[in-house]
């Protein structure tokens, strides 16, 4: 008698949770350093943002601790490290932001609405919180379906 093996793999469009860890998501964004084409999931955007916030706060905390301890030379070195870190984030953050806009079927040019006082930042925050377009859109395949 032949035993039939059951396939327990979830279909691509199922709502099963993604097993991708935060570290691999963070590194994945750095691998797409200046890739403005394609789409980025909400999870990818917010993981990258949160990790960078934690790293920024850690470096800034060191800077404050050195200033309190009157270690001014070390403070200058940490300030330089902080500035270089923030500068290194500009291109990947902008690329990820544009890919996130693509995920909700919006052009990357929507980035510039952020320069409108008061309203622009709120609009972009809402865009970043929206769920991505289900299925393919004009910017590429659904990253949720690809990752599952």
Foldseek 3Di string as FASTA:
>chain_A
DDDDDDDPDDALPDPDDFPDDLVVLLVVLVVCQQAQFAADFLSSLVSNVVVVVVVLVVLVVVLVVCVVVVVVVVNVVSVVVSVVSVVSVPRSNLSNLSRHCVQQVHGSVLLVLCVVPPPSVVVSVVSSVDGGDQAADPRGGNVSSVRD
